[in-house]
């Protein structure tokens, strides 16, 4: 569950990038 999470990093992670963050940012772009 921690591997697939990205909402926590988005709201309380500041500039922290996780795997889920990269996936979410590329779903529409690439």
ModelCIF file with pLDDT and N, C-alpha, C, O atoms, coordinates in Angstrom:
data_MODEL
#
_entry.id   MODEL 
#
_entity.id                         1 
_entity.type                       polymer 
_entity.pdbx_number_of_molecules   1 
#
_entity_poly.entity_id                      1 
_entity_poly.type                           'polypeptide(L)' 
_entity_poly.nstd_linkage                   no 
_entity_poly.nstd_monomer                   no 
_entity_poly.pdbx_seq_one_letter_code       
;(UNK)(UNK)(UNK)(UNK)(UNK)(UNK)(UNK)(UNK)(UNK)(UNK)(UNK)(UNK)(UNK)(UNK)(UNK)(UNK)
(UNK)(UNK)(UNK)(UNK)(UNK)(UNK)(UNK)(UNK)(UNK)(UNK)(UNK)(UNK)(UNK)(UNK)
;
_entity_poly.pdbx_seq_one_letter_code_can   XXXXXXXXXXXXXXXXXXXXXXXXXXXXXX 
_entity_poly.pdbx_strand_id                 A 
#
loop_
_entity_poly_seq.entity_id 
_entity_poly_seq.num 
_entity_poly_seq.mon_id 
_entity_poly_seq.hetero 
1 1  UNK n 
1 2  UNK n 
1 3  UNK n 
1 4  UNK n 
1 5  UNK n 
1 6  UNK n 
1 7  UNK n 
1 8  UNK n 
1 9  UNK n 
1 10 UNK n 
1 11 UNK n 
1 12 UNK n 
1 13 UNK n 
1 14 UNK n 
1 15 UNK n 
1 16 UNK n 
1 17 UNK n 
1 18 UNK n 
1 19 UNK n 
1 20 UNK n 
1 21 UNK n 
1 22 UNK n 
1 23 UNK n 
1 24 UNK n 
1 25 UNK n 
1 26 UNK n 
1 27 UNK n 
1 28 UNK n 
1 29 UNK n 
1 30 UNK n 
#
_struct_asym.id          A 
_struct_asym.entity_id   1 
#
loop_
_ma_qa_metric.id 
_ma_qa_metric.mode 
_ma_qa_metric.name 
_ma_qa_metric.software_group_id 
_ma_qa_metric.type 
1 global pLDDT . pLDDT 
2 local  pLDDT . pLDDT 
#
_ma_qa_metric_global.metric_id      1 
_ma_qa_metric_global.metric_value   83.67 
_ma_qa_metric_global.model_id       1 
_ma_qa_metric_global.ordinal_id     1 
#
loop_
_ma_qa_metric_local.label_asym_id 
_ma_qa_metric_local.label_comp_id 
_ma_qa_metric_local.label_seq_id 
_ma_qa_metric_local.metric_id 
_ma_qa_metric_local.metric_value 
_ma_qa_metric_local.model_id 
_ma_qa_metric_local.ordinal_id 
A UNK 1  2 89.00 1 1  
A UNK 2  2 90.00 1 2  
A UNK 3  2 87.00 1 3  
A UNK 4  2 84.00 1 4  
A UNK 5  2 84.00 1 5  
A UNK 6  2 82.00 1 6  
A UNK 7  2 85.00 1 7  
A UNK 8  2 86.00 1 8  
A UNK 9  2 85.00 1 9  
A UNK 10 2 85.00 1 10 
A UNK 11 2 87.00 1 11 
A UNK 12 2 86.00 1 12 
A UNK 13 2 81.00 1 13 
A UNK 14 2 79.00 1 14 
A UNK 15 2 81.00 1 15 
A UNK 16 2 81.00 1 16 
A UNK 17 2 84.00 1 17 
A UNK 18 2 87.00 1 18 
A UNK 19 2 85.00 1 19 
A UNK 20 2 83.00 1 20 
A UNK 21 2 85.00 1 21 
A UNK 22 2 85.00 1 22 
A UNK 23 2 85.00 1 23 
A UNK 24 2 83.00 1 24 
A UNK 25 2 82.00 1 25 
A UNK 26 2 81.00 1 26 
A UNK 27 2 80.00 1 27 
A UNK 28 2 78.00 1 28 
A UNK 29 2 78.00 1 29 
A UNK 30 2 82.00 1 30 
#
loop_
_atom_site.group_PDB 
_atom_site.id 
_atom_site.type_symbol 
_atom_site.label_atom_id 
_atom_site.label_alt_id 
_atom_site.label_comp_id 
_atom_site.label_asym_id 
_atom_site.label_entity_id 
_atom_site.label_seq_id 
_atom_site.pdbx_PDB_ins_code 
_atom_site.Cartn_x 
_atom_site.Cartn_y 
_atom_site.Cartn_z 
_atom_site.occupancy 
_atom_site.B_iso_or_equiv 
_atom_site.pdbx_formal_charge 
_atom_site.auth_seq_id 
_atom_site.auth_comp_id 
_atom_site.auth_asym_id 
_atom_site.auth_atom_id 
_atom_site.pdbx_PDB_model_num 
ATOM 1   N N  . UNK A 1 1  ? 0.819  -1.208 0.000   1.00 89.00 ? 1  UNK A N  1 
ATOM 2   C CA . UNK A 1 1  ? 0.000  0.000  0.000   1.00 89.00 ? 1  UNK A CA 1 
ATOM 3   C C  . UNK A 1 1  ? 0.854  1.258  0.000   1.00 89.00 ? 1  UNK A C  1 
ATOM 4   O O  . UNK A 1 1  ? 0.486  2.256  -0.621  1.00 89.00 ? 1  UNK A O  1 
ATOM 5   N N  . UNK A 1 2  ? 1.987  1.223  0.688   1.00 90.00 ? 2  UNK A N  1 
ATOM 6   C CA . UNK A 1 2  ? 2.879  2.383  0.708   1.00 90.00 ? 2  UNK A CA 1 
ATOM 7   C C  . UNK A 1 2  ? 3.552  2.585  -0.645  1.00 90.00 ? 2  UNK A C  1 
ATOM 8   O O  . UNK A 1 2  ? 3.793  3.719  -1.058  1.00 90.00 ? 2  UNK A O  1 
ATOM 9   N N  . UNK A 1 3  ? 3.854  1.495  -1.330  1.00 87.00 ? 3  UNK A N  1 
ATOM 10  C CA . UNK A 1 3  ? 4.475  1.612  -2.656  1.00 87.00 ? 3  UNK A CA 1 
ATOM 11  C C  . UNK A 1 3  ? 3.551  2.306  -3.644  1.00 87.00 ? 3  UNK A C  1 
ATOM 12  O O  . UNK A 1 3  ? 4.005  3.095  -4.472  1.00 87.00 ? 3  UNK A O  1 
ATOM 13  N N  . UNK A 1 4  ? 2.261  2.018  -3.562  1.00 84.00 ? 4  UNK A N  1 
ATOM 14  C CA . UNK A 1 4  ? 1.333  2.560  -4.540  1.00 84.00 ? 4  UNK A CA 1 
ATOM 15  C C  . UNK A 1 4  ? 0.721  3.884  -4.162  1.00 84.00 ? 4  UNK A C  1 
ATOM 16  O O  . UNK A 1 4  ? -0.056 4.439  -4.939  1.00 84.00 ? 4  UNK A O  1 
ATOM 17  N N  . UNK A 1 5  ? 1.041  4.412  -2.997  1.00 84.00 ? 5  UNK A N  1 
ATOM 18  C CA . UNK A 1 5  ? 0.411  5.652  -2.558  1.00 84.00 ? 5  UNK A CA 1 
ATOM 19  C C  . UNK A 1 5  ? 1.103  6.867  -3.173  1.00 84.00 ? 5  UNK A C  1 
ATOM 20  O O  . UNK A 1 5  ? 2.322  6.880  -3.347  1.00 84.00 ? 5  UNK A O  1 
ATOM 21  N N  . UNK A 1 6  ? 0.319  7.869  -3.495  1.00 82.00 ? 6  UNK A N  1 
ATOM 22  C CA . UNK A 1 6  ? 0.887  9.124  -3.971  1.00 82.00 ? 6  UNK A CA 1 
ATOM 23  C C  . UNK A 1 6  ? 0.150  10.354 -3.437  1.00 82.00 ? 6  UNK A C  1 
ATOM 24  O O  . UNK A 1 6  ? 0.666  11.471 -3.495  1.00 82.00 ? 6  UNK A O  1 
ATOM 25  N N  . UNK A 1 7  ? -1.069 10.136 -2.913  1.00 85.00 ? 7  UNK A N  1 
ATOM 26  C CA . UNK A 1 7  ? -1.842 11.268 -2.406  1.00 85.00 ? 7  UNK A CA 1 
ATOM 27  C C  . UNK A 1 7  ? -1.188 11.827 -1.145  1.00 85.00 ? 7  UNK A C  1 
ATOM 28  O O  . UNK A 1 7  ? -1.166 13.041 -0.939  1.00 85.00 ? 7  UNK A O  1 
ATOM 29  N N  . UNK A 1 8  ? -0.653 10.932 -0.297  1.00 86.00 ? 8  UNK A N  1 
ATOM 30  C CA . UNK A 1 8  ? 0.027  11.406 0.912   1.00 86.00 ? 8  UNK A CA 1 
ATOM 31  C C  . UNK A 1 8  ? 1.205  12.296 0.548   1.00 86.00 ? 8  UNK A C  1 
ATOM 32  O O  . UNK A 1 8  ? 1.403  13.350 1.152   1.00 86.00 ? 8  UNK A O  1 
ATOM 33  N N  . UNK A 1 9  ? 1.980  11.873 -0.433  1.00 85.00 ? 9  UNK A N  1 
ATOM 34  C CA . UNK A 1 9  ? 3.124  12.690 -0.853  1.00 85.00 ? 9  UNK A CA 1 
ATOM 35  C C  . UNK A 1 9  ? 2.670  14.012 -1.459  1.00 85.00 ? 9  UNK A C  1 
ATOM 36  O O  . UNK A 1 9  ? 3.353  15.027 -1.320  1.00 85.00 ? 9  UNK A O  1 
ATOM 37  N N  . UNK A 1 10 ? 1.531  14.004 -2.124  1.00 85.00 ? 10 UNK A N  1 
ATOM 38  C CA . UNK A 1 10 ? 1.029  15.224 -2.767  1.00 85.00 ? 10 UNK A CA 1 
ATOM 39  C C  . UNK A 1 10 ? 0.595  16.265 -1.758  1.00 85.00 ? 10 UNK A C  1 
ATOM 40  O O  . UNK A 1 10 ? 0.825  17.458 -1.958  1.00 85.00 ? 10 UNK A O  1 
ATOM 41  N N  . UNK A 1 11 ? -0.041 15.823 -0.660  1.00 87.00 ? 11 UNK A N  1 
ATOM 42  C CA . UNK A 1 11 ? -0.628 16.769 0.282   1.00 87.00 ? 11 UNK A CA 1 
ATOM 43  C C  . UNK A 1 11 ? 0.267  17.059 1.491   1.00 87.00 ? 11 UNK A C  1 
ATOM 44  O O  . UNK A 1 11 ? 0.216  18.161 2.037   1.00 87.00 ? 11 UNK A O  1 
ATOM 45  N N  . UNK A 1 12 ? 1.076  16.099 1.914   1.00 86.00 ? 12 UNK A N  1 
ATOM 46  C CA . UNK A 1 12 ? 1.933  16.331 3.086   1.00 86.00 ? 12 UNK A CA 1 
ATOM 47  C C  . UNK A 1 12 ? 3.402  16.089 2.785   1.00 86.00 ? 12 UNK A C  1 
ATOM 48  O O  . UNK A 1 12 ? 4.238  16.156 3.686   1.00 86.00 ? 12 UNK A O  1 
ATOM 49  N N  . UNK A 1 13 ? 3.728  15.807 1.520   1.00 81.00 ? 13 UNK A N  1 
ATOM 50  C CA . UNK A 1 13 ? 5.115  15.507 1.175   1.00 81.00 ? 13 UNK A CA 1 
ATOM 51  C C  . UNK A 1 13 ? 5.914  16.685 0.672   1.00 81.00 ? 13 UNK A C  1 
ATOM 52  O O  . UNK A 1 13 ? 7.116  16.569 0.433   1.00 81.00 ? 13 UNK A O  1 
ATOM 53  N N  . UNK A 1 14 ? 5.243  17.842 0.507   1.00 79.00 ? 14 UNK A N  1 
ATOM 54  C CA . UNK A 1 14 ? 5.977  18.976 -0.031  1.00 79.00 ? 14 UNK A CA 1 
ATOM 55  C C  . UNK A 1 14 ? 6.441  18.692 -1.447  1.00 79.00 ? 14 UNK A C  1 
ATOM 56  O O  . UNK A 1 14 ? 5.624  18.444 -2.334  1.00 79.00 ? 14 UNK A O  1 
ATOM 57  N N  . UNK A 1 15 ? 7.741  18.727 -1.661  1.00 81.00 ? 15 UNK A N  1 
ATOM 58  C CA . UNK A 1 15 ? 8.320  18.436 -2.973  1.00 81.00 ? 15 UNK A CA 1 
ATOM 59  C C  . UNK A 1 15 ? 8.704  16.974 -3.129  1.00 81.00 ? 15 UNK A C  1 
ATOM 60  O O  . UNK A 1 15 ? 9.359  16.610 -4.106  1.00 81.00 ? 15 UNK A O  1 
ATOM 61  N N  . UNK A 1 16 ? 8.307  16.130 -2.183  1.00 81.00 ? 16 UNK A N  1 
ATOM 62  C CA . UNK A 1 16 ? 8.657  14.715 -2.237  1.00 81.00 ? 16 UNK A CA 1 
ATOM 63  C C  . UNK A 1 16 ? 7.994  14.042 -3.431  1.00 81.00 ? 16 UNK A C  1 
ATOM 64  O O  . UNK A 1 16 ? 6.784  14.158 -3.626  1.00 81.00 ? 16 UNK A O  1 
ATOM 65  N N  . UNK A 1 17 ? 8.786  13.341 -4.222  1.00 84.00 ? 17 UNK A N  1 
ATOM 66  C CA . UNK A 1 17 ? 8.295  12.610 -5.380  1.00 84.00 ? 17 UNK A CA 1 
ATOM 67  C C  . UNK A 1 17 ? 8.342  11.116 -5.079  1.00 84.00 ? 17 UNK A C  1 
ATOM 68  O O  . UNK A 1 17 ? 9.352  10.600 -4.599  1.00 84.00 ? 17 UNK A O  1 
ATOM 69  N N  . UNK A 1 18 ? 7.240  10.427 -5.365  1.00 87.00 ? 18 UNK A N  1 
ATOM 70  C CA . UNK A 1 18 ? 7.176  8.981  -5.204  1.00 87.00 ? 18 UNK A CA 1 
ATOM 71  C C  . UNK A 1 18 ? 6.776  8.352  -6.535  1.00 87.00 ? 18 UNK A C  1 
ATOM 72  O O  . UNK A 1 18 ? 6.489  9.052  -7.506  1.00 87.00 ? 18 UNK A O  1 
ATOM 73  N N  . UNK A 1 19 ? 6.761  7.023  -6.563  1.00 85.00 ? 19 UNK A N  1 
ATOM 74  C CA . UNK A 1 19 ? 6.405  6.327  -7.796  1.00 85.00 ? 19 UNK A CA 1 
ATOM 75  C C  . UNK A 1 19 ? 5.017  6.748  -8.263  1.00 85.00 ? 19 UNK A C  1 
ATOM 76  O O  . UNK A 1 19 ? 4.808  7.033  -9.442  1.00 85.00 ? 19 UNK A O  1 
ATOM 77  N N  . UNK A 1 20 ? 4.075  6.786  -7.332  1.00 83.00 ? 20 UNK A N  1 
ATOM 78  C CA . UNK A 1 20 ? 2.717  7.179  -7.695  1.00 83.00 ? 20 UNK A CA 1 
ATOM 79  C C  . UNK A 1 20 ? 2.648  8.589  -8.240  1.00 83.00 ? 20 UNK A C  1 
ATOM 80  O O  . UNK A 1 20 ? 1.821  8.872  -9.107  1.00 83.00 ? 20 UNK A O  1 
ATOM 81  N N  . UNK A 1 21 ? 3.506  9.494  -7.748  1.00 85.00 ? 21 UNK A N  1 
ATOM 82  C CA . UNK A 1 21 ? 3.528  10.867 -8.235  1.00 85.00 ? 21 UNK A CA 1 
ATOM 83  C C  . UNK A 1 21 ? 3.962  10.923 -9.693  1.00 85.00 ? 21 UNK A C  1 
ATOM 84  O O  . UNK A 1 21 ? 3.383  11.653 -10.498 1.00 85.00 ? 21 UNK A O  1 
ATOM 85  N N  . UNK A 1 22 ? 4.992  10.138 -10.026 1.00 85.00 ? 22 UNK A N  1 
ATOM 86  C CA . UNK A 1 22 ? 5.476  10.089 -11.408 1.00 85.00 ? 22 UNK A CA 1 
ATOM 87  C C  . UNK A 1 22 ? 4.400  9.520  -12.322 1.00 85.00 ? 22 UNK A C  1 
ATOM 88  O O  . UNK A 1 22 ? 4.187  10.023 -13.425 1.00 85.00 ? 22 UNK A O  1 
ATOM 89  N N  . UNK A 1 23 ? 3.726  8.474  -11.864 1.00 85.00 ? 23 UNK A N  1 
ATOM 90  C CA . UNK A 1 23 ? 2.668  7.866  -12.679 1.00 85.00 ? 23 UNK A CA 1 
ATOM 91  C C  . UNK A 1 23 ? 1.542  8.854  -12.910 1.00 85.00 ? 23 UNK A C  1 
ATOM 92  O O  . UNK A 1 23 ? 1.069  9.005  -14.037 1.00 85.00 ? 23 UNK A O  1 
ATOM 93  N N  . UNK A 1 24 ? 1.106  9.530  -11.853 1.00 83.00 ? 24 UNK A N  1 
ATOM 94  C CA . UNK A 1 24 ? -0.012 10.468 -11.971 1.00 83.00 ? 24 UNK A CA 1 
ATOM 95  C C  . UNK A 1 24 ? 0.327  11.629 -12.907 1.00 83.00 ? 24 UNK A C  1 
ATOM 96  O O  . UNK A 1 24 ? -0.534 12.083 -13.661 1.00 83.00 ? 24 UNK A O  1 
ATOM 97  N N  . UNK A 1 25 ? 1.555  12.108 -12.867 1.00 82.00 ? 25 UNK A N  1 
ATOM 98  C CA . UNK A 1 25 ? 1.938  13.247 -13.700 1.00 82.00 ? 25 UNK A CA 1 
ATOM 99  C C  . UNK A 1 25 ? 2.110  12.881 -15.167 1.00 82.00 ? 25 UNK A C  1 
ATOM 100 O O  . UNK A 1 25 ? 2.097  13.757 -16.032 1.00 82.00 ? 25 UNK A O  1 
ATOM 101 N N  . UNK A 1 26 ? 2.274  11.577 -15.457 1.00 81.00 ? 26 UNK A N  1 
ATOM 102 C CA . UNK A 1 26 ? 2.486  11.144 -16.839 1.00 81.00 ? 26 UNK A CA 1 
ATOM 103 C C  . UNK A 1 26 ? 1.286  10.433 -17.453 1.00 81.00 ? 26 UNK A C  1 
ATOM 104 O O  . UNK A 1 26 ? 1.347  10.030 -18.615 1.00 81.00 ? 26 UNK A O  1 
ATOM 105 N N  . UNK A 1 27 ? 0.206  10.269 -16.709 1.00 80.00 ? 27 UNK A N  1 
ATOM 106 C CA . UNK A 1 27 ? -0.949 9.551  -17.249 1.00 80.00 ? 27 UNK A CA 1 
ATOM 107 C C  . UNK A 1 27 ? -1.470 10.221 -18.512 1.00 80.00 ? 27 UNK A C  1 
ATOM 108 O O  . UNK A 1 27 ? -1.798 9.543  -19.486 1.00 80.00 ? 27 UNK A O  1 
ATOM 109 N N  . UNK A 1 28 ? -1.549 11.551 -18.502 1.00 78.00 ? 28 UNK A N  1 
ATOM 110 C CA . UNK A 1 28 ? -2.047 12.277 -19.670 1.00 78.00 ? 28 UNK A CA 1 
ATOM 111 C C  . UNK A 1 28 ? -0.927 12.729 -20.598 1.00 78.00 ? 28 UNK A C  1 
ATOM 112 O O  . UNK A 1 28 ? -1.109 12.765 -21.815 1.00 78.00 ? 28 UNK A O  1 
ATOM 113 N N  . UNK A 1 29 ? 0.231  13.076 -20.036 1.00 78.00 ? 29 UNK A N  1 
ATOM 114 C CA . UNK A 1 29 ? 1.324  13.591 -20.855 1.00 78.00 ? 29 UNK A CA 1 
ATOM 115 C C  . UNK A 1 29 ? 2.051  12.487 -21.611 1.00 78.00 ? 29 UNK A C  1 
ATOM 116 O O  . UNK A 1 29 ? 2.366  12.643 -22.791 1.00 78.00 ? 29 UNK A O  1 
ATOM 117 N N  . UNK A 1 30 ? 2.317  11.383 -20.940 1.00 82.00 ? 30 UNK A N  1 
ATOM 118 C CA . UNK A 1 30 ? 3.090  10.303 -21.551 1.00 82.00 ? 30 UNK A CA 1 
ATOM 119 C C  . UNK A 1 30 ? 2.634  8.961  -20.969 1.00 82.00 ? 30 UNK A C  1 
ATOM 120 O O  . UNK A 1 30 ? 3.158  7.913  -21.347 1.00 82.00 ? 30 UNK A O  1 
#
